Structures are given as C-alpha cells and as structure tokens.
C-alpha cells in the first residue's frame, strides 16, 4: 500500500517497504516453524532506514534491528517515527522508546490524515487526558448508534455502497469483529448453515467464520504472499469469481484494483485460506491505517485497554464519518501512560 503511494520518479525502484522480519529474513516463533536468520549484511545495500510505527516494536524485534544497524560499516542514516500515545506492544515493549529519548528528535505537529478541525480538536483532548462524558456526547452526537447490530451494520453497508468507499468497523476484541462480520453476512442472505459449508479461514485472524467465495463479499488478506501486487497482510479485497467452490477464487484489491488469486495453504498439517472476512477488524490491527468512514465498537464487557479509544478515533479522516456503536464509556478512552492529575 505504501509503495503504491510513491510518485514515479527516478530511483523509486530502489525503495523497499517491508517488515523487520522481512528485511532481516527471519520468521517469528510458533507456527512458522524453523527460524531463518540473515547476517547483518542484509542491510549492507541500504543507505537510509525509516522505522515507522515504532511504538509497536517489541523489545526482541528492536534489539535485532538496532544490533544489525550498528554493525554496518557504512552507517546508514536511520529515522524512527513513533506516537507513543498509541497502543503498546502485545508482549514486551518500552526499549525502543528509551532509545528514542537518547536520539536527536523532531516533534511533528501537523496531522496529515485529517484537515477536519473539529475532529483534530477532539483527538487532541483525548490524546493525553481522559475526556468527560459531555465531551464524548458532544463529539459523537447522533453518530452514536444505539440500535440492533444488524440494523447498524446495514447502515454502514448502505453508506459504503453510496460513497463507493469501504465502511470499516473497529472492535476491541476478535469476538466483536466476528460478530460484526456475521451480521454483515446475514444482511446479504448468508445463514449459519451456509457458513458451515465454507472453507477454513486463517487461524491467525482468530475468527471462526468459514469463507464463502460469493461475488461481492469483502475479505481481508492475512499473509504476505505477493508484495509487488499488494497481496499483503491487512489488505482489503472483494471476491470476484469462484474457480473451485469456496476453495479457489479471485478477488480485487480495494486500494489498487489489482486482481489476486486466493487458494489454500498448509501449515502444521492444517489447510486454510490466507484471509478472513473484512467487514470489521480489531483496533490493534488497524493501528497505522487511514480510514475514510467506519464505526467504533467497544465490545468488551469491562473497559478497553489504554489508548484504544484514541487509536480508534484517530484512524478516521473526518468527524462526520466516525461513528460509535453500543455503550459510550469514558473508561474506553483512557490515554496511554499513568494516571495524571
């Protein structure tokens, strides 16, 4: 996605967009099995490194990246960009932030995602301080949906059809994302018995909804298979045509319009499709994304984790296209960090 946004200028082919694991050519522990490791020479041909979304870097990943970088004889210029008021790493983090505090730094005050002043004022209020109920009520207004789930999901689907742009639900848990996707499928006439005939989705998505290859259904890719065409983890696509039941089908990427082929892969003796339904995703998976319109659904029983409210609201470009479903709780908008006076 990021590579496709770059202008066609001389040398653009030398720019590489990848994960830390992809650059250093190693795999995570667990289902990926054997670990492959490339020596520090993997960075030998790179002159400039931009580490983005560094607030999510776990200590193990950052240590590997920093160690390999320091061993380069040509000393590549390195920039780390991070918003440490966003979600913290899943396992262990904090080391990257300590390193950043020792580096020469520049504070960026311009928000390029949005030009909506009312939206930016709200984000500035909730970034470092828990908002009061009046602030939340005033911001969401009639965009706070308190209705049946299927009716709310249908509203979002209607808005997507009218605007021609995806309507994305952001949930705090995987269970909530599955709930939204199931409601969306029910709205287009797909029952639970129909889903039972579908193909297994990627277990990494934490969804239990089987995939049906019916034209028009929205899916989210979950693996990095073909980065040049946009077949990457997190990419949204629309099912176009079934080639072999629910097992093999084509899909069109929402961002670029490229066609990709979806087919099963095998891992640890289990076969599944490298995708899940794309009507909703968790707030953690959406961190770093730019969304035109969508709805926030804090589906957990107790309060969401710190930073969830800020990250969810800041994904959207405009106040008018940011909706809230269900309960409105101040505790869902606690900022990252210790309680402040």
Protein backbone atom coordinates (compact mmCIF):
# COMPACT_ATOMS: atom_id res chain seq x y z
CA UNK A 1 0.00 0.00 0.00
CA UNK A 2 2.71 2.48 0.98
CA UNK A 3 4.85 1.65 -2.05
CA UNK A 4 1.92 2.29 -4.39
CA UNK A 5 1.55 5.83 -3.00
CA UNK A 6 5.07 6.85 -4.04
CA UNK A 7 5.39 9.00 -7.18
CA UNK A 8 7.03 7.62 -10.33
CA UNK A 9 10.43 9.30 -10.02
CA UNK A 10 13.95 8.18 -10.82
CA UNK A 11 15.18 5.72 -8.21
CA UNK A 12 11.74 4.78 -6.84
CA UNK A 13 12.57 1.16 -7.64
CA UNK A 14 15.32 1.31 -5.01
CA UNK A 15 12.82 1.99 -2.24
CA UNK A 16 11.79 -1.10 -0.30
CA UNK A 17 8.84 -1.30 2.09
CA UNK A 18 8.93 -4.28 4.42
CA UNK A 19 8.65 -5.55 7.98
CA UNK A 20 11.65 -6.01 10.26
CA UNK A 21 11.25 -9.75 9.83
CA UNK A 22 11.20 -9.36 6.05
CA UNK A 23 14.32 -7.19 5.92
CA UNK A 24 16.37 -9.42 8.20
CA UNK A 25 14.80 -12.58 6.72
CA UNK A 26 13.76 -14.41 9.84
CA UNK A 27 10.44 -15.83 10.97
CA UNK A 28 8.59 -15.46 14.22
CA UNK A 29 8.46 -18.32 16.68
CA UNK A 30 5.45 -20.63 16.65
CA UNK A 31 3.54 -21.73 13.59
CA UNK A 32 6.24 -20.56 11.17
CA UNK A 33 8.48 -23.34 12.47
CA UNK A 34 12.18 -23.13 11.75
CA UNK A 35 13.87 -19.78 12.20
CA UNK A 36 15.87 -18.42 9.28
CA UNK A 37 18.42 -15.72 10.03
CA UNK A 38 20.35 -13.45 7.75
CA UNK A 39 23.61 -11.89 8.97
CA UNK A 40 23.84 -8.11 9.33
CA UNK A 41 24.92 -7.88 5.68
CA UNK A 42 21.19 -7.77 4.86
CA UNK A 43 21.40 -4.01 5.44
CA UNK A 44 24.66 -3.52 3.52
CA UNK A 45 22.96 -2.07 0.41
CA UNK A 46 20.61 0.22 2.33
CA UNK A 47 21.61 3.87 2.86
CA UNK A 48 18.52 5.23 4.59
CA UNK A 49 16.24 3.38 7.03
CA UNK A 50 12.85 4.72 8.15
CA UNK A 51 11.38 2.74 11.07
CA UNK A 52 7.66 3.58 11.15
CA UNK A 53 5.02 2.86 13.84
CA UNK A 54 7.84 2.25 16.32
CA UNK A 55 5.51 2.39 19.31
CA UNK A 56 4.51 -1.18 18.43
CA UNK A 57 8.04 -2.60 18.30
CA UNK A 58 8.58 -5.39 20.79
CA UNK A 59 11.93 -5.46 22.60
CA UNK A 60 13.15 -8.56 20.73
CA UNK A 61 12.46 -7.05 17.30
CA UNK A 62 14.01 -3.69 18.19
CA UNK A 63 17.13 -5.30 19.67
CA UNK A 64 17.72 -7.31 16.50
CA UNK A 65 17.17 -4.30 14.24
CA UNK A 66 19.36 -1.98 16.29
CA UNK A 67 22.17 -4.55 16.59
CA UNK A 68 22.27 -5.21 12.85
CA UNK A 69 22.17 -1.50 12.10
CA UNK A 70 25.11 -0.66 14.38
CA UNK A 71 27.28 -3.34 12.75
CA UNK A 72 27.06 -1.72 9.31
CA UNK A 73 30.40 -0.21 8.24
CA UNK A 74 28.70 2.44 6.08
CA UNK A 75 26.49 3.65 9.00
CA UNK A 76 23.07 4.01 7.28
CA UNK A 77 21.13 7.10 8.29
CA UNK A 78 18.24 5.91 10.47
CA UNK A 79 15.00 7.66 11.37
CA UNK A 80 12.49 6.32 13.91
CA UNK A 81 8.93 7.68 13.83
CA UNK A 82 6.52 6.88 16.64
CA UNK A 83 3.48 8.11 18.53
CA UNK A 84 3.88 6.64 21.99
CA UNK A 85 0.31 7.61 22.92
CA UNK A 86 -0.86 4.78 20.68
CA UNK A 87 -1.14 1.13 21.66
CA UNK A 88 1.82 -0.52 23.32
CA UNK A 89 3.32 -3.81 22.05
CA UNK A 90 1.41 -7.03 22.73
CA UNK A 91 4.21 -8.89 24.52
CA UNK A 92 7.00 -6.62 25.74
CA UNK A 93 7.94 -3.08 24.82
CA UNK A 94 9.44 0.14 26.07
CA UNK A 95 13.02 -0.41 24.93
CA UNK A 96 12.52 1.44 21.63
CA UNK A 97 11.09 4.43 23.48
CA UNK A 98 14.10 4.58 25.80
CA UNK A 99 16.40 4.57 22.77
CA UNK A 100 14.36 7.34 21.13
CA UNK A 101 14.72 9.52 24.20
CA UNK A 102 18.51 9.40 23.66
CA UNK A 103 18.29 10.35 19.98
CA UNK A 104 18.15 13.72 18.29
CA UNK A 105 14.41 14.31 17.86
CA UNK A 106 11.93 16.44 15.96
CA UNK A 107 8.31 16.87 17.09
CA UNK A 108 5.78 16.74 14.25
CA UNK A 109 2.71 18.84 14.99
CA UNK A 110 0.94 18.58 11.64
CA UNK A 111 -1.67 15.82 11.25
CA UNK A 112 -1.75 14.82 7.61
CA UNK A 113 -4.55 12.25 7.97
CA UNK A 114 -7.23 14.88 8.57
CA UNK A 115 -7.98 18.53 7.87
CA UNK A 116 -11.21 18.47 9.90
CA UNK A 117 -10.63 20.99 12.70
CA UNK A 118 -13.42 19.67 14.97
CA UNK A 119 -12.05 16.15 14.61
CA UNK A 120 -8.50 17.28 15.41
CA UNK A 121 -9.63 19.23 18.49
CA UNK A 122 -11.34 16.10 19.85
CA UNK A 123 -8.26 13.95 19.22
CA UNK A 124 -6.04 16.48 20.99
CA UNK A 125 -8.39 16.41 24.01
CA UNK A 126 -8.37 12.62 24.40
CA UNK A 127 -4.72 12.05 23.48
CA UNK A 128 -3.26 12.64 26.95
CA UNK A 129 -6.30 13.02 29.19
CA UNK A 130 -9.46 11.01 29.77
CA UNK A 131 -12.40 13.00 28.33
CA UNK A 132 -15.51 13.78 30.37
CA UNK A 133 -18.90 12.41 29.30
CA UNK A 134 -20.01 15.79 27.95
CA UNK A 135 -17.07 15.88 25.53
CA UNK A 136 -17.82 12.37 24.24
CA UNK A 137 -21.55 13.01 23.96
CA UNK A 138 -20.98 16.27 22.11
CA UNK A 139 -18.47 14.72 19.70
CA UNK A 140 -20.46 11.65 18.63
CA UNK A 141 -23.93 13.27 18.87
CA UNK A 142 -26.38 11.50 16.55
CA UNK A 143 -23.50 9.37 15.24
CA UNK A 144 -23.79 7.29 18.41
CA UNK A 145 -25.78 4.30 17.16
CA UNK A 146 -27.96 2.59 19.78
CA UNK A 147 -29.88 0.04 17.77
CA UNK A 148 -29.85 -3.60 16.75
CA UNK A 149 -26.48 -4.84 15.49
CA UNK A 150 -27.80 -5.97 12.10
CA UNK A 151 -29.52 -2.62 11.55
CA UNK A 152 -26.33 -0.72 12.39
CA UNK A 153 -24.20 -2.93 10.13
CA UNK A 154 -26.72 -2.47 7.32
CA UNK A 155 -26.42 1.32 7.69
CA UNK A 156 -22.68 1.03 7.25
CA UNK A 157 -23.09 -1.21 4.19
CA UNK A 158 -25.52 1.29 2.66
CA UNK A 159 -23.05 4.14 3.26
CA UNK A 160 -20.27 2.13 1.61
CA UNK A 161 -22.46 1.43 -1.41
CA UNK A 162 -23.48 5.09 -1.78
CA UNK A 163 -19.98 6.54 -1.35
CA UNK A 164 -18.04 3.80 -3.12
CA UNK A 165 -15.63 3.64 -0.17
CA UNK A 166 -15.34 0.86 2.43
CA UNK A 167 -17.10 1.21 5.77
CA UNK A 168 -14.88 -0.40 8.41
CA UNK A 169 -15.89 -1.47 11.89
CA UNK A 170 -13.19 -1.26 14.56
CA UNK A 171 -13.68 -3.54 17.56
CA UNK A 172 -11.70 -4.05 20.73
CA UNK A 173 -11.75 -7.88 20.51
CA UNK A 174 -11.68 -10.59 17.83
CA UNK A 175 -15.04 -11.80 19.07
CA UNK A 176 -16.57 -8.40 18.33
CA UNK A 177 -15.12 -8.40 14.81
CA UNK A 178 -16.65 -11.83 14.15
CA UNK A 179 -19.98 -10.57 15.48
CA UNK A 180 -19.99 -7.67 13.03
CA UNK A 181 -18.93 -9.86 10.09
CA UNK A 182 -21.64 -12.39 10.89
CA UNK A 183 -24.26 -9.60 10.93
CA UNK A 184 -22.99 -8.30 7.57
CA UNK A 185 -23.22 -11.76 6.04
CA UNK A 186 -26.74 -12.19 7.42
CA UNK A 187 -27.74 -8.91 5.78
CA UNK A 188 -26.78 -10.28 2.36
CA UNK A 189 -28.68 -13.50 2.93
CA UNK A 190 -25.99 -15.84 4.23
CA UNK A 191 -27.14 -18.06 7.10
CA UNK A 192 -25.21 -20.03 9.70
CA UNK A 193 -25.90 -23.22 7.75
CA UNK A 194 -24.38 -21.62 4.64
CA UNK A 195 -21.23 -20.71 6.60
CA UNK A 196 -20.85 -24.33 7.70
CA UNK A 197 -20.09 -25.23 4.06
CA UNK A 198 -17.34 -22.59 3.76
CA UNK A 199 -13.57 -23.10 3.79
CA UNK A 200 -11.49 -22.57 6.91
CA UNK A 201 -10.13 -19.05 7.31
CA UNK A 202 -6.65 -18.18 8.58
CA UNK A 203 -6.34 -19.22 12.25
CA UNK A 204 -4.07 -16.18 12.80
CA UNK A 205 -7.14 -13.98 12.30
CA UNK A 206 -8.73 -15.53 15.43
CA UNK A 207 -12.02 -15.81 13.51
CA UNK A 208 -14.17 -18.91 13.43
CA UNK A 209 -16.23 -17.89 10.39
CA UNK A 210 -15.65 -20.08 7.33
CA UNK A 211 -15.06 -18.35 4.00
CA UNK A 212 -17.68 -18.38 1.23
CA UNK A 213 -16.46 -17.38 -2.25
CA UNK A 214 -19.51 -15.39 -3.33
CA UNK A 215 -19.10 -12.31 -5.55
CA UNK A 216 -19.24 -9.02 -3.63
CA UNK A 217 -18.18 -10.38 -0.25
CA UNK A 218 -15.44 -8.35 1.44
CA UNK A 219 -12.37 -10.17 2.77
CA UNK A 220 -9.15 -9.15 4.49
CA UNK A 221 -5.89 -10.83 3.48
CA UNK A 222 -3.79 -12.19 6.33
CA UNK A 223 -0.46 -13.20 4.76
CA UNK A 224 2.38 -11.51 2.84
CA UNK A 225 2.38 -13.54 -0.40
CA UNK A 226 2.97 -11.08 -3.23
CA UNK A 227 4.07 -7.65 -2.02
CA UNK A 228 4.58 -6.30 -5.54
CA UNK A 229 0.89 -6.85 -6.36
CA UNK A 230 -0.42 -5.90 -2.92
CA UNK A 231 -1.17 -9.38 -1.56
CA UNK A 232 -0.12 -8.41 1.97
CA UNK A 233 -1.40 -8.85 5.49
CA UNK A 234 -4.25 -6.41 6.17
CA UNK A 235 -5.16 -5.62 2.55
CA UNK A 236 -8.89 -5.41 1.78
CA UNK A 237 -10.34 -7.20 -1.24
CA UNK A 238 -13.70 -8.03 -2.83
CA UNK A 239 -14.50 -11.53 -4.05
CA UNK A 240 -14.95 -11.55 -7.82
CA UNK A 241 -15.32 -15.11 -9.08
CA UNK A 242 -15.17 -18.65 -7.73
CA UNK A 243 -12.88 -21.00 -9.66
CA UNK A 244 -13.30 -24.08 -7.47
CA UNK A 245 -16.13 -23.82 -4.97
CA UNK A 246 -15.07 -21.99 -1.81
CA UNK A 247 -11.52 -23.29 -2.15
CA UNK A 248 -10.06 -21.22 -5.01
CA UNK A 249 -11.34 -17.81 -6.14
CA UNK A 250 -10.25 -14.43 -7.45
CA UNK A 251 -10.54 -11.14 -5.58
CA UNK A 252 -9.98 -7.48 -6.44
CA UNK A 253 -7.89 -5.37 -4.04
CA UNK A 254 -9.74 -2.28 -2.81
CA UNK A 255 -6.68 0.03 -2.79
CA UNK A 256 -5.12 -0.73 -6.17
CA UNK A 257 -7.73 -2.68 -8.09
CA UNK A 258 -5.22 -5.48 -8.72
CA UNK A 259 -6.59 -8.99 -9.07
CA UNK A 260 -5.22 -11.70 -6.76
CA UNK A 261 -5.79 -15.45 -6.56
CA UNK A 262 -6.92 -16.86 -3.22
CA UNK A 263 -6.14 -20.53 -2.63
CA UNK A 264 -5.46 -22.76 0.40
CA UNK A 265 -2.11 -23.05 2.13
CA UNK A 266 -0.94 -25.69 4.56
CA UNK A 267 0.69 -25.04 7.92
CA UNK A 268 1.33 -27.52 10.69
CA UNK A 269 -0.87 -30.10 8.98
CA UNK A 270 -3.84 -27.76 8.64
CA UNK A 271 -5.18 -26.31 5.38
CA UNK A 272 -6.87 -22.91 5.31
CA UNK A 273 -7.34 -19.79 3.20
CA UNK A 274 -4.99 -16.82 3.87
CA UNK A 275 -7.88 -14.45 4.59
CA UNK A 276 -10.89 -13.71 6.78
CA UNK A 277 -14.00 -11.56 6.33
CA UNK A 278 -13.22 -7.86 6.01
CA UNK A 279 -16.24 -6.01 7.36
CA UNK A 280 -14.54 -5.49 10.73
CA UNK A 281 -11.11 -5.68 12.31
CA UNK A 282 -9.66 -5.05 15.74
CA UNK A 283 -8.36 -1.63 16.76
CA UNK A 284 -4.90 -3.11 17.32
CA UNK A 285 -4.74 -4.48 13.74
CA UNK A 286 -5.95 -1.14 12.37
CA UNK A 287 -3.19 0.87 14.05
CA UNK A 288 -1.41 2.82 11.31
CA UNK A 289 -4.34 2.60 8.88
CA UNK A 290 -6.12 5.53 7.21
CA UNK A 291 -9.90 5.05 7.09
CA UNK A 292 -12.47 7.22 5.35
CA UNK A 293 -15.50 6.01 7.27
CA UNK A 294 -16.46 3.42 9.84
CA UNK A 295 -17.79 2.65 13.30
CA UNK A 296 -16.10 2.05 16.67
CA UNK A 297 -17.50 -0.87 18.66
CA UNK A 298 -16.06 -1.35 22.17
CA UNK A 299 -17.47 -4.85 22.59
CA UNK A 300 -15.60 -5.93 25.73
CA UNK A 301 -17.55 -6.27 28.99
CA UNK A 302 -15.20 -4.07 31.00
CA UNK A 303 -13.18 -1.06 29.83
CA UNK A 304 -10.90 -1.33 26.82
CA UNK A 305 -7.15 -1.10 27.21
CA UNK A 306 -5.39 2.24 27.46
CA UNK A 307 -5.08 4.04 24.15
CA UNK A 308 -7.81 2.08 22.38
CA UNK A 309 -10.26 4.98 22.18
CA UNK A 310 -7.65 7.42 20.88
CA UNK A 311 -6.26 4.99 18.28
CA UNK A 312 -9.75 4.05 17.06
CA UNK A 313 -10.97 7.63 16.62
CA UNK A 314 -7.70 8.83 15.07
CA UNK A 315 -7.93 6.25 12.25
CA UNK A 316 -10.70 8.29 10.60
CA UNK A 317 -10.27 11.32 8.41
CA UNK A 318 -13.41 13.25 9.39
CA UNK A 319 -15.66 13.73 12.37
CA UNK A 320 -18.79 13.12 10.27
CA UNK A 321 -17.57 9.68 9.16
CA UNK A 322 -16.57 8.41 12.63
CA UNK A 323 -19.45 6.56 14.34
CA UNK A 324 -19.83 4.78 17.69
CA UNK A 325 -21.97 1.70 18.36
CA UNK A 326 -23.18 0.40 21.72
CA UNK A 327 -22.22 1.77 25.11
CA UNK A 328 -20.48 5.12 25.50
CA UNK A 329 -17.97 4.72 28.35
CA UNK A 330 -15.37 7.21 29.47
CA UNK A 331 -13.13 4.34 30.55
CA UNK A 332 -12.82 3.22 26.92
CA UNK A 333 -10.96 6.46 26.22
CA UNK A 334 -8.22 6.27 28.85
CA UNK A 335 -4.90 7.52 27.43
CA UNK A 336 -1.68 5.52 27.38
CA UNK A 337 0.52 6.07 30.43
CA UNK A 338 -0.02 6.53 34.17
CA UNK A 339 -2.97 8.41 35.62
CA UNK A 340 -2.33 12.16 35.62
CA UNK A 341 -3.70 14.77 37.98
